[in-house]
C-alpha cells in the first residue's frame, strides 16, 4: 500500500455517534500489524459467527486497552472466497445489534478480493474505541471448505477532544481539514466518552453538523 491511509499528529478526526459527532485532534500514533488471525475452517456455503479476534492472553485485539487510545483499523482476509460481514458492536456488548447481516447476502462488507490479506483496502477501515469494538461473520462463498485468516493494520492514536466551537464550525464548513467517519448506522457512544465530551458540546456539535452537512441523525 503506497499511500499512508492513517492520520498523523495534529490532524483531525470526526466520528459521528448516535448522540452526535465528536471532534478529535490526533496527538500521536503508533502503527501495529496483527497477522495472521486464524479464523479456522469454514465449510463451503457456511458461516462462522461472532468472530472476535483475541490474542494469547484472551484480550480483544482491536479494542484499545485504555480510554486514552483510539484505534484506526484496516482489515484484510484470505482466501478470496472468504466474505466478511460486520457486526458493530458485537452481540457480546450491552448494546443491541442493529441490522445484523445475513451471511451470503447483500450486506457483505469485504472479501478476499476487495481487501486481500496482504494488502488491506482503506475502504475496510473502522474506528474503534474502548467498549466499542467489532465482531465479524466469515462466510465461505466457495464450493469447497476453506481455512480463513484475517489481518489487521492498526494505527493507535492518542488524542484530545476539540471543544472550541469556532474550530468545530471551521471543520464543518471546510476551512479546516478533517477525516469524517460515520458507522454503517449511528451507534451509541461509550459512556466514558459521553461523560468526557459533555452534553453541551455534543448538542452544539450535532446542531452544527445538521446545519453544514444538510442532514444528520440528531
N, C-alpha and C. Protein backbone atom coordinates (compact mmCIF):
# COMPACT_ATOMS: atom_id res chain seq x y z
N UNK A 1 0.85 -1.18 0.00
CA UNK A 1 0.00 0.00 0.00
C UNK A 1 0.89 1.24 0.00
N UNK A 2 0.90 1.95 -1.09
CA UNK A 2 1.86 3.03 -1.28
C UNK A 2 1.53 4.24 -0.42
N UNK A 3 0.28 4.58 -0.30
CA UNK A 3 -0.11 5.80 0.40
C UNK A 3 -0.49 5.49 1.84
N UNK A 4 -0.04 6.34 2.75
CA UNK A 4 -0.35 6.16 4.17
C UNK A 4 -1.83 6.48 4.39
N UNK A 5 -2.63 5.49 4.80
CA UNK A 5 -4.06 5.73 4.97
C UNK A 5 -4.43 6.31 6.33
N UNK A 6 -3.44 6.45 7.21
CA UNK A 6 -3.73 6.83 8.58
C UNK A 6 -3.46 8.32 8.81
N UNK A 7 -4.02 8.81 9.92
CA UNK A 7 -3.84 10.20 10.28
C UNK A 7 -2.50 10.40 10.98
N UNK A 8 -2.00 11.61 10.87
CA UNK A 8 -0.73 11.98 11.50
C UNK A 8 -1.01 12.91 12.67
N UNK A 9 -0.06 13.07 13.58
CA UNK A 9 -0.25 14.01 14.68
C UNK A 9 -0.63 15.40 14.17
N UNK A 10 -1.55 16.02 14.86
CA UNK A 10 -2.11 17.34 14.58
C UNK A 10 -3.21 17.31 13.51
N UNK A 11 -3.47 16.14 12.91
CA UNK A 11 -4.62 16.04 12.01
C UNK A 11 -5.87 15.72 12.82
N UNK A 12 -7.03 15.92 12.20
CA UNK A 12 -8.30 15.87 12.93
C UNK A 12 -9.17 14.72 12.45
N UNK A 13 -9.96 14.22 13.38
CA UNK A 13 -10.89 13.12 13.12
C UNK A 13 -12.24 13.48 13.71
N UNK A 14 -13.30 13.27 12.93
CA UNK A 14 -14.67 13.47 13.41
C UNK A 14 -15.38 12.13 13.33
N UNK A 15 -15.95 11.69 14.44
CA UNK A 15 -16.69 10.43 14.48
C UNK A 15 -18.13 10.72 14.87
N UNK A 16 -19.07 10.25 14.05
CA UNK A 16 -20.49 10.51 14.29
C UNK A 16 -21.12 9.35 15.05
N UNK A 17 -21.61 9.64 16.24
CA UNK A 17 -22.31 8.67 17.06
C UNK A 17 -23.80 8.97 17.07
N UNK A 18 -24.55 8.12 17.74
CA UNK A 18 -25.99 8.32 17.85
C UNK A 18 -26.31 9.63 18.56
N UNK A 19 -25.48 9.98 19.54
CA UNK A 19 -25.75 11.20 20.33
C UNK A 19 -25.26 12.47 19.65
N UNK A 20 -24.40 12.33 18.66
CA UNK A 20 -23.83 13.49 17.98
C UNK A 20 -22.39 13.22 17.58
N UNK A 21 -21.78 14.12 16.80
CA UNK A 21 -20.39 13.92 16.39
C UNK A 21 -19.42 14.39 17.47
N UNK A 22 -18.27 13.69 17.53
CA UNK A 22 -17.20 14.09 18.43
C UNK A 22 -15.99 14.44 17.57
N UNK A 23 -15.33 15.54 17.92
CA UNK A 23 -14.21 16.07 17.14
C UNK A 23 -12.92 15.81 17.91
N UNK A 24 -11.98 15.13 17.26
CA UNK A 24 -10.73 14.77 17.90
C UNK A 24 -9.54 15.39 17.15
N UNK A 25 -8.50 15.69 17.88
CA UNK A 25 -7.21 16.04 17.29
C UNK A 25 -6.22 14.95 17.67
N UNK A 26 -5.58 14.35 16.67
CA UNK A 26 -4.60 13.30 16.92
C UNK A 26 -3.33 13.93 17.49
N UNK A 27 -2.84 13.40 18.60
CA UNK A 27 -1.63 13.93 19.22
C UNK A 27 -0.42 13.01 19.04
N UNK A 28 -0.67 11.75 18.70
CA UNK A 28 0.42 10.81 18.46
C UNK A 28 -0.14 9.54 17.85
N UNK A 29 0.75 8.72 17.27
CA UNK A 29 0.28 7.47 16.69
C UNK A 29 1.39 6.42 16.70
N UNK A 30 0.97 5.17 16.70
CA UNK A 30 1.86 4.02 16.56
C UNK A 30 1.18 3.04 15.61
N UNK A 31 1.91 2.52 14.63
CA UNK A 31 1.35 1.59 13.66
C UNK A 31 1.71 0.17 14.07
N UNK A 32 0.69 -0.69 14.15
CA UNK A 32 0.88 -2.08 14.55
C UNK A 32 0.18 -2.96 13.52
N UNK A 33 0.79 -4.10 13.20
CA UNK A 33 0.14 -5.05 12.30
C UNK A 33 -0.02 -6.38 13.01
N UNK A 34 -1.26 -6.90 12.99
CA UNK A 34 -1.56 -8.19 13.58
C UNK A 34 -1.88 -9.18 12.45
N UNK A 35 -1.05 -10.22 12.31
CA UNK A 35 -1.35 -11.24 11.30
C UNK A 35 -0.55 -12.50 11.62
N UNK A 36 -1.02 -13.68 11.23
CA UNK A 36 -2.42 -13.83 10.83
C UNK A 36 -3.30 -14.06 12.05
N UNK A 37 -4.55 -13.65 11.96
CA UNK A 37 -5.54 -14.10 12.94
C UNK A 37 -6.27 -15.26 12.27
N UNK A 38 -6.16 -16.43 12.85
CA UNK A 38 -6.70 -17.64 12.23
C UNK A 38 -8.16 -17.84 12.63
N UNK A 39 -9.03 -17.63 11.65
CA UNK A 39 -10.46 -17.85 11.87
C UNK A 39 -10.74 -19.34 11.94
N UNK A 40 -10.03 -20.11 11.09
CA UNK A 40 -10.18 -21.56 11.09
C UNK A 40 -10.95 -22.05 9.89
N UNK A 41 -11.32 -23.31 9.92
CA UNK A 41 -12.03 -23.93 8.80
C UNK A 41 -13.47 -23.43 8.74
N UNK A 42 -13.86 -23.02 7.54
CA UNK A 42 -15.25 -22.64 7.28
C UNK A 42 -15.72 -23.51 6.12
N UNK A 43 -16.74 -24.30 6.36
CA UNK A 43 -17.22 -25.22 5.34
C UNK A 43 -17.89 -24.46 4.20
N UNK A 44 -17.90 -25.08 3.02
CA UNK A 44 -18.50 -24.47 1.84
C UNK A 44 -19.94 -24.06 2.11
N UNK A 45 -20.25 -22.81 1.79
CA UNK A 45 -21.61 -22.31 1.96
C UNK A 45 -22.02 -22.04 3.39
N UNK A 46 -21.07 -22.16 4.34
CA UNK A 46 -21.38 -21.97 5.75
C UNK A 46 -20.74 -20.68 6.28
N UNK A 47 -21.12 -20.31 7.48
CA UNK A 47 -20.63 -19.08 8.08
C UNK A 47 -20.13 -19.35 9.49
N UNK A 48 -19.03 -18.71 9.86
CA UNK A 48 -18.54 -18.74 11.24
C UNK A 48 -18.93 -17.41 11.87
N UNK A 49 -19.73 -17.47 12.93
CA UNK A 49 -20.33 -16.27 13.52
C UNK A 49 -19.55 -15.81 14.76
N UNK A 50 -19.82 -14.56 15.12
CA UNK A 50 -19.29 -13.96 16.35
C UNK A 50 -17.78 -14.14 16.46
N UNK A 51 -17.08 -13.81 15.38
CA UNK A 51 -15.62 -13.86 15.37
C UNK A 51 -15.10 -12.56 16.00
N UNK A 52 -14.56 -12.66 17.19
CA UNK A 52 -13.98 -11.51 17.90
C UNK A 52 -12.50 -11.82 18.10
N UNK A 53 -11.63 -11.27 17.26
CA UNK A 53 -10.20 -11.62 17.33
C UNK A 53 -9.59 -11.31 18.70
N UNK A 54 -8.94 -12.32 19.28
CA UNK A 54 -8.29 -12.18 20.58
C UNK A 54 -6.86 -12.69 20.50
N UNK A 55 -6.03 -12.21 21.43
CA UNK A 55 -4.64 -12.66 21.46
C UNK A 55 -4.48 -13.82 22.44
N UNK A 56 -3.23 -14.22 22.67
CA UNK A 56 -2.96 -15.37 23.53
C UNK A 56 -3.41 -15.14 24.97
N UNK A 57 -3.54 -13.88 25.37
CA UNK A 57 -3.99 -13.55 26.72
C UNK A 57 -5.49 -13.35 26.81
N UNK A 58 -6.20 -13.66 25.72
CA UNK A 58 -7.65 -13.54 25.62
C UNK A 58 -8.10 -12.07 25.63
N UNK A 59 -7.18 -11.17 25.29
CA UNK A 59 -7.54 -9.76 25.14
C UNK A 59 -8.03 -9.53 23.72
N UNK A 60 -9.03 -8.68 23.57
CA UNK A 60 -9.58 -8.38 22.25
C UNK A 60 -8.57 -7.53 21.48
N UNK A 61 -8.12 -8.03 20.34
CA UNK A 61 -7.03 -7.40 19.59
C UNK A 61 -7.36 -5.97 19.17
N UNK A 62 -8.57 -5.76 18.68
CA UNK A 62 -8.88 -4.46 18.06
C UNK A 62 -9.34 -3.41 19.07
N UNK A 63 -9.70 -3.81 20.27
CA UNK A 63 -10.19 -2.86 21.27
C UNK A 63 -9.02 -2.19 21.97
N UNK A 64 -9.01 -0.85 22.04
CA UNK A 64 -7.95 -0.18 22.81
C UNK A 64 -7.95 -0.63 24.26
N UNK A 65 -6.76 -0.76 24.80
CA UNK A 65 -6.63 -1.21 26.18
C UNK A 65 -7.11 -0.15 27.16
N UNK A 66 -6.92 1.13 26.78
CA UNK A 66 -7.28 2.23 27.65
C UNK A 66 -8.10 3.27 26.88
N UNK A 67 -8.85 4.08 27.64
CA UNK A 67 -9.69 5.13 27.03
C UNK A 67 -8.87 6.16 26.26
N UNK A 68 -7.62 6.30 26.60
CA UNK A 68 -6.82 7.37 26.00
C UNK A 68 -6.36 7.05 24.58
N UNK A 69 -6.72 5.87 24.08
CA UNK A 69 -6.36 5.49 22.71
C UNK A 69 -7.60 5.34 21.83
N UNK A 70 -7.44 5.67 20.56
CA UNK A 70 -8.40 5.33 19.51
C UNK A 70 -7.66 4.44 18.51
N UNK A 71 -8.30 3.39 18.04
CA UNK A 71 -7.70 2.53 17.04
C UNK A 71 -8.34 2.77 15.68
N UNK A 72 -7.51 2.99 14.68
CA UNK A 72 -7.93 3.14 13.27
C UNK A 72 -7.49 1.86 12.58
N UNK A 73 -8.43 1.04 12.14
CA UNK A 73 -8.16 -0.33 11.73
C UNK A 73 -8.44 -0.54 10.25
N UNK A 74 -7.53 -1.22 9.56
CA UNK A 74 -7.78 -1.76 8.22
C UNK A 74 -7.77 -3.28 8.32
N UNK A 75 -8.66 -3.94 7.59
CA UNK A 75 -8.84 -5.38 7.70
C UNK A 75 -8.65 -6.06 6.35
N UNK A 76 -7.87 -7.14 6.35
CA UNK A 76 -7.72 -7.98 5.17
C UNK A 76 -8.15 -9.39 5.48
N UNK A 77 -8.47 -10.18 4.44
CA UNK A 77 -8.94 -11.54 4.66
C UNK A 77 -8.44 -12.45 3.54
N UNK A 78 -8.25 -13.71 3.87
CA UNK A 78 -7.87 -14.74 2.89
C UNK A 78 -8.61 -16.02 3.26
N UNK A 79 -8.87 -16.88 2.27
CA UNK A 79 -8.61 -16.71 0.83
C UNK A 79 -9.66 -15.83 0.17
N UNK A 80 -9.63 -15.78 -1.16
CA UNK A 80 -10.53 -14.91 -1.90
C UNK A 80 -11.99 -15.25 -1.66
N UNK A 81 -12.30 -16.51 -1.40
CA UNK A 81 -13.69 -16.93 -1.22
C UNK A 81 -14.30 -16.47 0.11
N UNK A 82 -13.46 -16.00 1.01
CA UNK A 82 -13.95 -15.59 2.33
C UNK A 82 -14.62 -14.23 2.25
N UNK A 83 -15.88 -14.18 2.67
CA UNK A 83 -16.62 -12.93 2.75
C UNK A 83 -16.79 -12.56 4.23
N UNK A 84 -16.47 -11.33 4.56
CA UNK A 84 -16.55 -10.88 5.94
C UNK A 84 -17.76 -9.96 6.09
N UNK A 85 -18.60 -10.27 7.08
CA UNK A 85 -19.76 -9.46 7.41
C UNK A 85 -19.49 -8.82 8.76
N UNK A 86 -19.95 -7.61 8.93
CA UNK A 86 -19.58 -6.80 10.08
C UNK A 86 -20.71 -6.74 11.10
N UNK A 87 -20.36 -6.99 12.36
CA UNK A 87 -21.27 -6.75 13.48
C UNK A 87 -20.61 -5.69 14.36
N UNK A 88 -21.18 -4.51 14.37
CA UNK A 88 -20.55 -3.41 15.10
C UNK A 88 -21.64 -2.60 15.79
N UNK A 89 -21.75 -2.70 17.11
CA UNK A 89 -20.96 -3.51 18.04
C UNK A 89 -21.42 -4.96 18.04
N UNK A 90 -20.61 -5.85 18.60
CA UNK A 90 -20.98 -7.27 18.60
C UNK A 90 -22.08 -7.59 19.59
N UNK A 91 -22.61 -8.78 19.46
CA UNK A 91 -23.70 -9.22 20.34
C UNK A 91 -23.27 -9.31 21.79
N UNK A 92 -21.99 -9.44 22.02
CA UNK A 92 -21.50 -9.62 23.39
C UNK A 92 -21.54 -8.33 24.20
N UNK A 93 -21.71 -7.18 23.52
CA UNK A 93 -21.81 -5.93 24.26
C UNK A 93 -23.24 -5.72 24.76
N UNK A 94 -23.43 -4.76 25.62
CA UNK A 94 -24.76 -4.50 26.17
C UNK A 94 -25.69 -3.85 25.16
N UNK A 95 -25.12 -3.27 24.08
CA UNK A 95 -25.95 -2.64 23.07
C UNK A 95 -26.59 -3.70 22.18
N UNK A 96 -27.76 -3.39 21.63
CA UNK A 96 -28.41 -4.30 20.68
C UNK A 96 -27.67 -4.23 19.34
N UNK A 97 -27.68 -5.34 18.61
CA UNK A 97 -27.09 -5.35 17.28
C UNK A 97 -28.10 -4.73 16.32
N UNK A 98 -27.64 -3.75 15.56
CA UNK A 98 -28.52 -3.06 14.62
C UNK A 98 -28.31 -3.65 13.24
N UNK A 99 -29.37 -4.15 12.64
CA UNK A 99 -29.28 -4.62 11.26
C UNK A 99 -28.29 -5.74 11.09
N UNK A 100 -28.35 -6.77 11.94
CA UNK A 100 -27.40 -7.88 11.85
C UNK A 100 -27.46 -8.49 10.45
N UNK A 101 -26.32 -8.69 9.81
CA UNK A 101 -26.30 -9.15 8.42
C UNK A 101 -26.65 -10.62 8.28
N UNK A 102 -27.05 -11.01 7.11
CA UNK A 102 -27.33 -12.39 6.77
C UNK A 102 -26.17 -12.91 5.93
N UNK A 103 -25.54 -13.98 6.35
CA UNK A 103 -24.37 -14.49 5.65
C UNK A 103 -24.70 -14.79 4.19
N UNK A 104 -23.82 -14.35 3.30
CA UNK A 104 -24.00 -14.60 1.89
C UNK A 104 -24.95 -13.64 1.21
N UNK A 105 -25.52 -12.73 1.98
CA UNK A 105 -26.48 -11.79 1.43
C UNK A 105 -25.83 -10.52 0.94
N UNK A 106 -26.62 -9.52 0.62
CA UNK A 106 -26.09 -8.30 0.02
C UNK A 106 -25.33 -7.40 0.99
N UNK A 107 -25.29 -7.75 2.26
CA UNK A 107 -24.64 -6.90 3.25
C UNK A 107 -23.18 -7.28 3.48
N UNK A 108 -22.60 -8.00 2.53
CA UNK A 108 -21.17 -8.32 2.63
C UNK A 108 -20.37 -7.03 2.82
N UNK A 109 -19.39 -7.08 3.69
CA UNK A 109 -18.56 -5.90 3.97
C UNK A 109 -17.31 -5.93 3.10
N UNK A 110 -16.48 -6.96 3.25
CA UNK A 110 -15.31 -7.12 2.39
C UNK A 110 -15.16 -8.60 2.05
N UNK A 111 -14.30 -8.91 1.09
CA UNK A 111 -13.91 -10.29 0.84
C UNK A 111 -12.43 -10.32 0.49
N UNK A 112 -11.92 -11.50 0.17
CA UNK A 112 -10.50 -11.65 -0.09
C UNK A 112 -10.03 -11.02 -1.38
N UNK A 113 -10.98 -10.57 -2.21
CA UNK A 113 -10.62 -9.85 -3.44
C UNK A 113 -10.59 -8.35 -3.19
N UNK A 114 -11.63 -7.83 -2.56
CA UNK A 114 -11.72 -6.38 -2.35
C UNK A 114 -10.74 -5.89 -1.30
N UNK A 115 -10.41 -6.73 -0.32
CA UNK A 115 -9.46 -6.34 0.73
C UNK A 115 -8.60 -7.54 1.09
N UNK A 116 -7.59 -7.83 0.26
CA UNK A 116 -6.79 -9.04 0.45
C UNK A 116 -5.97 -9.02 1.73
N UNK A 117 -5.62 -10.21 2.18
CA UNK A 117 -4.89 -10.42 3.43
C UNK A 117 -3.61 -9.61 3.49
N UNK A 118 -2.84 -9.60 2.41
CA UNK A 118 -1.52 -8.95 2.41
C UNK A 118 -1.58 -7.45 2.14
N UNK A 119 -2.74 -6.95 1.75
CA UNK A 119 -2.83 -5.53 1.38
C UNK A 119 -4.23 -5.02 1.68
N UNK A 120 -4.58 -4.85 2.97
CA UNK A 120 -5.93 -4.42 3.32
C UNK A 120 -6.32 -3.10 2.64
N UNK A 121 -7.52 -3.06 2.14
CA UNK A 121 -8.03 -1.89 1.43
C UNK A 121 -8.45 -0.81 2.43
N UNK A 122 -8.10 0.46 2.20
CA UNK A 122 -8.56 1.53 3.09
C UNK A 122 -10.08 1.60 3.22
N UNK A 123 -10.81 1.04 2.26
CA UNK A 123 -12.26 1.04 2.36
C UNK A 123 -12.75 0.11 3.48
N UNK A 124 -11.85 -0.71 4.02
CA UNK A 124 -12.23 -1.61 5.12
C UNK A 124 -12.03 -0.95 6.48
N UNK A 125 -11.79 0.33 6.52
CA UNK A 125 -11.40 0.98 7.77
C UNK A 125 -12.53 0.98 8.80
N UNK A 126 -12.12 0.91 10.06
CA UNK A 126 -13.00 1.03 11.21
C UNK A 126 -12.32 1.94 12.22
N UNK A 127 -13.12 2.69 12.96
CA UNK A 127 -12.63 3.46 14.10
C UNK A 127 -13.15 2.77 15.34
N UNK A 128 -12.24 2.39 16.24
CA UNK A 128 -12.59 1.52 17.37
C UNK A 128 -12.20 2.20 18.68
N UNK A 129 -13.10 2.11 19.64
CA UNK A 129 -12.90 2.72 20.95
C UNK A 129 -12.95 1.66 22.05
N UNK A 130 -12.47 2.00 23.21
CA UNK A 130 -12.68 1.16 24.38
C UNK A 130 -14.18 0.99 24.58
N UNK A 131 -14.64 -0.23 24.71
CA UNK A 131 -16.06 -0.59 24.88
C UNK A 131 -16.89 -0.46 23.61
N UNK A 132 -16.26 -0.19 22.48
CA UNK A 132 -17.00 -0.17 21.21
C UNK A 132 -16.08 -0.75 20.14
N UNK A 133 -16.19 -2.05 19.92
CA UNK A 133 -15.29 -2.77 19.03
C UNK A 133 -16.13 -3.72 18.15
N UNK A 134 -15.57 -4.20 17.05
CA UNK A 134 -16.35 -5.03 16.13
C UNK A 134 -16.23 -6.52 16.39
N UNK A 135 -17.23 -7.23 15.91
CA UNK A 135 -17.14 -8.68 15.71
C UNK A 135 -17.42 -8.92 14.23
N UNK A 136 -17.13 -10.12 13.77
CA UNK A 136 -17.27 -10.42 12.34
C UNK A 136 -18.00 -11.74 12.15
N UNK A 137 -18.60 -11.88 10.98
CA UNK A 137 -19.03 -13.17 10.50
C UNK A 137 -18.20 -13.47 9.25
N UNK A 138 -17.71 -14.68 9.13
CA UNK A 138 -16.90 -15.06 7.97
C UNK A 138 -17.65 -16.15 7.20
N UNK A 139 -18.03 -15.82 5.98
CA UNK A 139 -18.84 -16.70 5.15
C UNK A 139 -17.98 -17.27 4.02
N UNK A 140 -18.13 -18.56 3.77
CA UNK A 140 -17.42 -19.22 2.68
C UNK A 140 -18.32 -19.24 1.46
N UNK A 141 -18.00 -18.37 0.49
CA UNK A 141 -18.82 -18.26 -0.72
C UNK A 141 -18.43 -19.29 -1.77
N UNK A 142 -17.40 -20.11 -1.50
CA UNK A 142 -16.95 -21.10 -2.47
C UNK A 142 -17.67 -22.42 -2.33
N UNK A 143 -17.27 -23.37 -3.17
CA UNK A 143 -17.89 -24.70 -3.13
C UNK A 143 -16.98 -25.74 -2.51
N UNK A 144 -15.88 -25.30 -1.87
CA UNK A 144 -15.00 -26.18 -1.12
C UNK A 144 -14.69 -25.55 0.24
N UNK A 145 -14.36 -26.37 1.21
CA UNK A 145 -14.00 -25.85 2.53
C UNK A 145 -12.75 -24.97 2.42
N UNK A 146 -12.66 -23.95 3.26
CA UNK A 146 -11.51 -23.06 3.28
C UNK A 146 -10.96 -22.95 4.70
N UNK A 147 -9.71 -22.53 4.79
CA UNK A 147 -9.13 -22.15 6.08
C UNK A 147 -8.96 -20.63 6.05
N UNK A 148 -9.83 -19.92 6.76
CA UNK A 148 -9.88 -18.46 6.67
C UNK A 148 -8.92 -17.80 7.66
N UNK A 149 -8.31 -16.71 7.22
CA UNK A 149 -7.43 -15.92 8.07
C UNK A 149 -7.73 -14.44 7.85
N UNK A 150 -7.49 -13.64 8.88
CA UNK A 150 -7.68 -12.20 8.79
C UNK A 150 -6.39 -11.51 9.21
N UNK A 151 -6.18 -10.32 8.68
CA UNK A 151 -5.05 -9.48 9.09
C UNK A 151 -5.58 -8.11 9.45
N UNK A 152 -4.88 -7.43 10.34
CA UNK A 152 -5.31 -6.11 10.80
C UNK A 152 -4.11 -5.17 10.85
N UNK A 153 -4.24 -4.05 10.18
CA UNK A 153 -3.26 -2.99 10.28
C UNK A 153 -3.89 -1.89 11.12
N UNK A 154 -3.24 -1.52 12.22
CA UNK A 154 -3.87 -0.64 13.21
C UNK A 154 -2.98 0.57 13.49
N UNK A 155 -3.58 1.74 13.43
CA UNK A 155 -2.94 2.96 13.94
C UNK A 155 -3.52 3.24 15.32
N UNK A 156 -2.66 3.25 16.31
CA UNK A 156 -3.09 3.54 17.68
C UNK A 156 -2.86 5.03 17.92
N UNK A 157 -3.96 5.78 18.02
CA UNK A 157 -3.87 7.23 18.19
C UNK A 157 -4.01 7.61 19.66
N UNK A 158 -3.21 8.56 20.10
CA UNK A 158 -3.57 9.35 21.27
C UNK A 158 -4.26 10.60 20.75
N UNK A 159 -5.02 11.25 21.58
CA UNK A 159 -5.89 12.31 21.07
C UNK A 159 -6.27 13.29 22.17
N UNK A 160 -6.84 14.39 21.75
CA UNK A 160 -7.59 15.24 22.66
C UNK A 160 -8.89 15.63 21.97
N UNK A 161 -9.92 15.87 22.75
CA UNK A 161 -11.22 16.26 22.19
C UNK A 161 -11.19 17.75 21.88
N UNK A 162 -11.62 18.11 20.69
CA UNK A 162 -11.71 19.52 20.30
C UNK A 162 -13.00 20.08 20.89
N UNK A 163 -12.87 21.07 21.78
CA UNK A 163 -14.05 21.64 22.42
C UNK A 163 -14.23 23.12 22.07
N UNK A 164 -13.40 23.63 21.17
CA UNK A 164 -13.52 25.02 20.72
C UNK A 164 -14.61 25.09 19.65
N UNK A 165 -15.67 25.82 19.91
CA UNK A 165 -16.81 25.87 18.98
C UNK A 165 -16.43 26.47 17.64
N UNK A 166 -15.53 27.45 17.65
CA UNK A 166 -15.10 28.04 16.38
C UNK A 166 -14.33 27.03 15.52
N UNK A 167 -13.52 26.20 16.16
CA UNK A 167 -12.77 25.19 15.42
C UNK A 167 -13.70 24.10 14.87
N UNK A 168 -14.71 23.74 15.65
CA UNK A 168 -15.69 22.76 15.18
C UNK A 168 -16.41 23.29 13.95
N UNK A 169 -16.82 24.54 14.01
CA UNK A 169 -17.53 25.13 12.87
C UNK A 169 -16.60 25.24 11.66
N UNK A 170 -15.33 25.54 11.89
CA UNK A 170 -14.37 25.65 10.78
C UNK A 170 -14.15 24.30 10.10
N UNK A 171 -14.20 23.23 10.86
CA UNK A 171 -14.09 21.89 10.27
C UNK A 171 -15.32 21.58 9.41
N UNK A 172 -16.49 21.88 9.94
CA UNK A 172 -17.72 21.54 9.22
C UNK A 172 -17.94 22.40 7.98
N UNK A 173 -17.45 23.63 8.00
CA UNK A 173 -17.65 24.46 6.80
C UNK A 173 -16.48 24.38 5.82
N UNK A 174 -15.49 23.50 6.15
CA UNK A 174 -14.43 23.22 5.20
C UNK A 174 -13.19 24.08 5.33
N UNK A 175 -13.15 25.01 6.28
CA UNK A 175 -11.96 25.85 6.44
C UNK A 175 -10.80 25.08 7.05
N UNK A 176 -11.11 24.06 7.84
CA UNK A 176 -10.08 23.19 8.41
C UNK A 176 -10.35 21.76 7.96
N UNK A 177 -9.29 21.04 7.58
CA UNK A 177 -9.46 19.67 7.09
C UNK A 177 -9.63 18.70 8.25
N UNK A 178 -10.42 17.66 8.00
CA UNK A 178 -10.60 16.60 8.98
C UNK A 178 -11.11 15.36 8.26
N UNK A 179 -10.79 14.22 8.82
CA UNK A 179 -11.37 12.97 8.33
C UNK A 179 -12.68 12.75 9.07
N UNK A 180 -13.76 12.58 8.33
CA UNK A 180 -15.07 12.34 8.93
C UNK A 180 -15.42 10.87 8.78
N UNK A 181 -15.71 10.22 9.90
CA UNK A 181 -16.03 8.80 9.91
C UNK A 181 -17.44 8.61 10.43
N UNK A 182 -18.26 7.91 9.65
CA UNK A 182 -19.59 7.53 10.10
C UNK A 182 -19.67 6.01 10.08
N UNK A 183 -20.28 5.42 11.09
CA UNK A 183 -20.51 3.99 11.11
C UNK A 183 -21.57 3.63 10.07
N UNK A 184 -21.79 2.33 9.86
CA UNK A 184 -22.82 1.92 8.90
C UNK A 184 -24.17 2.49 9.30
N UNK A 185 -24.38 2.66 10.56
CA UNK A 185 -25.52 3.40 11.09
C UNK A 185 -25.06 3.96 12.44
N UNK A 186 -25.76 4.96 12.96
CA UNK A 186 -25.25 5.60 14.18
C UNK A 186 -25.36 4.69 15.40
N UNK A 187 -24.24 4.49 16.09
CA UNK A 187 -24.21 3.68 17.29
C UNK A 187 -24.06 4.56 18.52
N UNK A 188 -24.57 4.10 19.67
CA UNK A 188 -24.35 4.86 20.90
C UNK A 188 -22.87 4.92 21.22
N UNK A 189 -22.43 6.05 21.71
CA UNK A 189 -21.03 6.17 22.12
C UNK A 189 -20.84 5.53 23.49
N UNK A 190 -19.63 5.06 23.77
CA UNK A 190 -19.36 4.52 25.10
C UNK A 190 -19.63 5.56 26.18
N UNK A 191 -20.08 5.10 27.33
CA UNK A 191 -20.45 6.02 28.40
C UNK A 191 -19.29 6.90 28.84
N UNK A 192 -18.07 6.33 28.86
CA UNK A 192 -16.92 7.13 29.30
C UNK A 192 -16.66 8.30 28.35
N UNK A 193 -16.90 8.07 27.03
CA UNK A 193 -16.68 9.13 26.06
C UNK A 193 -17.77 10.19 26.15
N UNK A 194 -18.98 9.74 26.43
CA UNK A 194 -20.10 10.68 26.60
C UNK A 194 -19.82 11.62 27.78
N UNK A 195 -19.31 11.07 28.87
CA UNK A 195 -19.00 11.90 30.04
C UNK A 195 -17.83 12.83 29.75
N UNK A 196 -16.84 12.32 29.01
CA UNK A 196 -15.66 13.12 28.69
C UNK A 196 -16.01 14.29 27.78
N UNK A 197 -16.92 14.05 26.84
CA UNK A 197 -17.30 15.09 25.88
C UNK A 197 -18.24 16.11 26.49
N UNK A 198 -19.24 15.65 27.19
CA UNK A 198 -20.19 16.56 27.83
C UNK A 198 -21.41 16.83 26.96
N UNK A 199 -22.55 17.00 27.61
CA UNK A 199 -23.83 17.16 26.91
C UNK A 199 -23.86 18.43 26.07
N UNK A 200 -23.39 19.54 26.62
CA UNK A 200 -23.48 20.82 25.90
C UNK A 200 -22.66 20.80 24.61
N UNK A 201 -21.46 20.24 24.67
CA UNK A 201 -20.62 20.17 23.47
C UNK A 201 -21.25 19.26 22.42
N UNK A 202 -21.82 18.14 22.86
CA UNK A 202 -22.47 17.22 21.93
C UNK A 202 -23.66 17.89 21.24
N UNK A 203 -24.44 18.62 22.01
CA UNK A 203 -25.61 19.29 21.44
C UNK A 203 -25.20 20.35 20.43
N UNK A 204 -24.16 21.11 20.76
CA UNK A 204 -23.67 22.12 19.82
C UNK A 204 -23.16 21.47 18.55
N UNK A 205 -22.36 20.41 18.70
CA UNK A 205 -21.78 19.74 17.54
C UNK A 205 -22.86 19.14 16.65
N UNK A 206 -23.89 18.54 17.27
CA UNK A 206 -24.98 17.95 16.49
C UNK A 206 -25.76 19.02 15.72
N UNK A 207 -26.00 20.14 16.36
CA UNK A 207 -26.71 21.24 15.71
C UNK A 207 -25.92 21.76 14.51
N UNK A 208 -24.62 21.96 14.68
CA UNK A 208 -23.80 22.48 13.59
C UNK A 208 -23.63 21.45 12.48
N UNK A 209 -23.55 20.17 12.84
CA UNK A 209 -23.48 19.11 11.82
C UNK A 209 -24.70 19.21 10.91
N UNK A 210 -25.87 19.33 11.50
CA UNK A 210 -27.09 19.39 10.69
C UNK A 210 -27.15 20.65 9.83
N UNK A 211 -26.60 21.72 10.32
CA UNK A 211 -26.58 22.95 9.54
C UNK A 211 -25.68 22.84 8.32
N UNK A 212 -24.50 22.27 8.51
CA UNK A 212 -23.49 22.26 7.44
C UNK A 212 -23.54 21.01 6.57
N UNK A 213 -23.92 19.88 7.15
CA UNK A 213 -23.94 18.65 6.37
C UNK A 213 -25.26 18.42 5.67
N UNK A 214 -26.27 19.22 6.03
CA UNK A 214 -27.55 19.12 5.34
C UNK A 214 -28.51 18.14 5.97
N UNK A 215 -28.01 17.12 6.64
CA UNK A 215 -28.85 16.15 7.31
C UNK A 215 -28.02 15.47 8.37
N UNK A 216 -28.68 14.81 9.26
CA UNK A 216 -27.96 14.12 10.33
C UNK A 216 -28.88 13.17 11.04
N UNK A 217 -28.40 12.66 12.18
CA UNK A 217 -29.19 11.71 12.95
C UNK A 217 -29.81 12.35 14.18
N UNK A 218 -29.58 13.65 14.37
CA UNK A 218 -29.95 14.19 15.68
C UNK A 218 -31.06 15.21 15.54
